[in-house]
Amino acid sequence: MKSLVLIRHGKSSWENDVKDKERPLKTRGENDSLLVAKALNTHQITIDKILSSTAKRAHSTCKIFCKTVNYNENKVVKMDDLYDFGGENVISIIKALKNNLNTVMIFGHNHAFTSISNIFGSVFIDNLPTSGLVKINFEIDNWNDLGQGITEFIITPKELKE
C-alpha cells in the first residue's frame, strides 16, 4: 500500500512587493500550519519522504510540519517542478517516486492539490484551503500504477477551530 499526504502551503502575505515564489507566510499561515501539523501527529503515521515546492510559502509550511512531526528538515527534497498550479508536474513526480517509499508528504499549491485530491481521492472537495491536508491511500506496490485511491482523512484549519 502507498499513501500520499498533500499539504497546501499556509496563508501567504501580499504585503511585500516580491515575486510570487518569494511570498512569505502570514502569521495566520504559520499558526494554521502548526494547528494542522499537531492534528496530523494524532494519526501517528510514518513518513518515508517529504517533498516541497521551492516557493518560500510552501517550504516555510514544510518546516513547521517537520518540527512538529519530528522529520529531519535536511532530508526534505525541494523541487522546482512542485511549483505547479495545474497538477501535471506533481502527478509526474508522484508516479516517478521510488517504490521503497510507502508514505510520501508533498507541500505545494492550489489548484493542483485540489485537482489531484479529486482525481485520485474518494471524497470530493470543493477547495483545499491554505494549510489544508489530504491523505489518500492506494492499493498499489508501484507508484507508477497510481490510480483511484481512498481518502483516509482531510484536515483543515477551520474544522480545528470550530
Protein backbone atom coordinates (compact mmCIF):
# COMPACT_ATOMS: atom_id res chain seq x y z
CA MET A 1 0.00 0.00 0.00
CA LYS A 2 1.13 3.55 -0.78
CA SER A 3 -0.04 6.73 0.96
CA LEU A 4 0.12 10.29 -0.23
CA VAL A 5 -0.21 13.27 2.09
CA LEU A 6 -0.82 16.52 0.22
CA ILE A 7 -0.47 19.78 2.14
CA ARG A 8 -1.26 23.15 0.67
CA HIS A 9 1.01 25.93 1.89
CA GLY A 10 -0.20 28.20 4.67
CA LYS A 11 -1.81 31.59 4.10
CA SER A 12 0.75 33.85 2.48
CA SER A 13 1.36 37.57 2.74
CA TRP A 14 0.81 40.00 -0.10
CA GLU A 15 2.26 42.93 1.88
CA ASN A 16 5.74 42.91 0.36
CA ASP A 17 6.48 43.69 -3.27
CA VAL A 18 8.16 40.37 -4.06
CA LYS A 19 7.86 37.77 -6.80
CA ASP A 20 5.11 35.21 -6.24
CA LYS A 21 7.66 32.50 -5.46
CA GLU A 22 9.16 34.66 -2.68
CA ARG A 23 5.94 35.47 -0.81
CA PRO A 24 6.29 34.61 2.91
CA LEU A 25 3.68 33.16 5.24
CA LYS A 26 1.40 35.44 7.21
CA THR A 27 1.25 34.84 10.97
CA ARG A 28 -2.12 33.19 10.37
CA GLY A 29 -0.46 30.84 7.88
CA GLU A 30 2.15 29.86 10.45
CA ASN A 31 -0.45 29.32 13.17
CA ASP A 32 -2.82 27.34 10.94
CA SER A 33 0.03 25.14 9.69
CA LEU A 34 1.08 24.37 13.25
CA LEU A 35 -2.52 23.55 14.19
CA VAL A 36 -2.88 21.11 11.28
CA ALA A 37 0.57 19.57 11.92
CA LYS A 38 -0.38 18.89 15.55
CA ALA A 39 -3.64 17.28 14.40
CA LEU A 40 -1.70 15.12 11.94
CA ASN A 41 0.51 13.93 14.80
CA THR A 42 -2.52 12.31 16.45
CA HIS A 43 -2.74 9.93 13.44
CA GLN A 44 0.76 8.59 14.15
CA ILE A 45 1.82 7.99 10.56
CA THR A 46 5.35 7.17 9.48
CA ILE A 47 6.60 9.47 6.75
CA ASP A 48 9.18 7.98 4.42
CA LYS A 49 9.86 11.10 2.35
CA ILE A 50 8.89 14.76 2.25
CA LEU A 51 8.97 16.82 -0.93
CA SER A 52 8.39 20.58 -1.08
CA SER A 53 7.85 23.22 -3.70
CA THR A 54 10.69 25.71 -3.82
CA ALA A 55 8.24 28.57 -3.20
CA LYS A 56 9.03 30.28 0.11
CA ARG A 57 5.47 29.89 1.49
CA ALA A 58 5.40 26.15 0.73
CA HIS A 59 8.85 25.46 2.17
CA SER A 60 8.09 27.53 5.29
CA THR A 61 4.94 25.46 5.80
CA CYS A 62 7.03 22.33 5.32
CA LYS A 63 9.49 23.43 8.02
CA ILE A 64 6.65 23.86 10.54
CA PHE A 65 5.42 20.33 9.82
CA CYS A 66 8.94 18.87 10.00
CA LYS A 67 9.45 20.25 13.51
CA THR A 68 6.02 19.07 14.65
CA VAL A 69 6.19 15.53 13.22
CA ASN A 70 9.91 15.10 14.04
CA TYR A 71 11.12 14.77 10.45
CA ASN A 72 14.67 15.89 9.74
CA GLU A 73 14.30 19.09 7.74
CA ASN A 74 17.62 18.41 5.99
CA LYS A 75 16.08 15.33 4.33
CA VAL A 76 13.35 17.37 2.61
CA VAL A 77 13.71 17.40 -1.17
CA LYS A 78 12.88 20.83 -2.62
CA MET A 79 11.71 20.66 -6.23
CA ASP A 80 11.01 23.45 -8.70
CA ASP A 81 8.53 21.20 -10.52
CA LEU A 82 6.29 21.24 -7.43
CA TYR A 83 5.77 24.97 -8.03
CA ASP A 84 2.85 23.78 -10.13
CA PHE A 85 -0.70 25.07 -10.13
CA GLY A 86 -2.29 22.68 -12.64
CA GLY A 87 -1.11 19.38 -11.18
CA GLU A 88 0.52 17.70 -14.18
CA ASN A 89 4.06 18.11 -12.83
CA VAL A 90 3.03 16.94 -9.36
CA ILE A 91 1.39 13.81 -10.78
CA SER A 92 4.52 13.05 -12.83
CA ILE A 93 6.67 13.40 -9.72
CA ILE A 94 4.38 11.09 -7.72
CA LYS A 95 4.39 8.43 -10.45
CA ALA A 96 8.21 8.57 -10.55
CA LEU A 97 8.67 8.04 -6.79
CA LYS A 98 10.88 5.16 -5.71
CA ASN A 99 8.79 2.14 -4.79
CA ASN A 100 10.56 1.64 -1.46
CA LEU A 101 8.76 4.81 -0.28
CA ASN A 102 5.35 3.96 1.14
CA THR A 103 4.19 7.26 2.66
CA VAL A 104 5.15 10.48 0.95
CA MET A 105 4.22 14.00 2.05
CA ILE A 106 4.20 16.81 -0.51
CA PHE A 107 3.95 20.56 0.11
CA GLY A 108 2.63 22.65 -2.74
CA HIS A 109 -0.10 24.73 -4.27
CA ASN A 110 -3.66 25.00 -5.50
CA HIS A 111 -5.37 24.36 -7.86
CA ALA A 112 -3.04 21.42 -8.29
CA PHE A 113 -3.71 19.87 -4.87
CA THR A 114 -7.49 20.22 -5.02
CA SER A 115 -7.46 18.66 -8.52
CA ILE A 116 -5.18 15.79 -7.50
CA SER A 117 -7.28 15.13 -4.38
CA ASN A 118 -10.40 14.91 -6.54
CA ILE A 119 -8.83 12.86 -9.33
CA PHE A 120 -7.28 10.23 -7.05
CA GLY A 121 -9.21 10.51 -3.78
CA SER A 122 -12.61 9.09 -2.89
CA VAL A 123 -14.03 12.25 -1.30
CA PHE A 124 -14.79 15.30 -3.44
CA ILE A 125 -13.51 18.56 -2.05
CA ASP A 126 -14.53 21.93 -3.44
CA ASN A 127 -11.27 23.58 -2.43
CA LEU A 128 -8.30 22.53 -0.34
CA PRO A 129 -7.79 25.60 1.86
CA THR A 130 -4.44 27.03 2.85
CA SER A 131 -2.72 24.73 5.40
CA GLY A 132 -5.23 22.04 4.39
CA LEU A 133 -4.13 18.41 4.29
CA VAL A 134 -5.46 15.35 2.46
CA LYS A 135 -4.24 11.77 2.99
CA ILE A 136 -5.03 9.30 0.24
CA ASN A 137 -4.20 5.58 0.34
CA PHE A 138 -3.61 3.42 -2.73
CA GLU A 139 -3.69 -0.37 -3.04
CA ILE A 140 -0.57 -0.43 -5.22
CA ASP A 141 3.04 -1.54 -4.90
CA ASN A 142 4.36 0.69 -7.68
CA TRP A 143 3.84 4.47 -7.70
CA ASN A 144 3.67 4.39 -11.49
CA ASP A 145 0.40 2.42 -11.12
CA LEU A 146 -1.22 5.42 -9.39
CA GLY A 147 -4.98 5.34 -9.86
CA GLN A 148 -8.12 5.73 -7.81
CA GLY A 149 -7.38 5.66 -4.08
CA ILE A 150 -9.29 6.06 -0.85
CA THR A 151 -9.24 9.35 1.03
CA GLU A 152 -8.38 8.40 4.61
CA PHE A 153 -8.76 11.87 6.10
CA ILE A 154 -8.81 15.58 5.41
CA ILE A 155 -7.65 18.12 7.98
CA THR A 156 -8.39 21.83 7.61
CA PRO A 157 -7.62 24.69 9.99
CA LYS A 158 -11.27 25.78 10.01
CA GLU A 159 -12.51 22.43 11.33
CA LEU A 160 -9.89 22.52 14.11
CA LYS A 161 -11.01 25.99 15.22
CA GLU A 162 -14.74 25.15 15.42
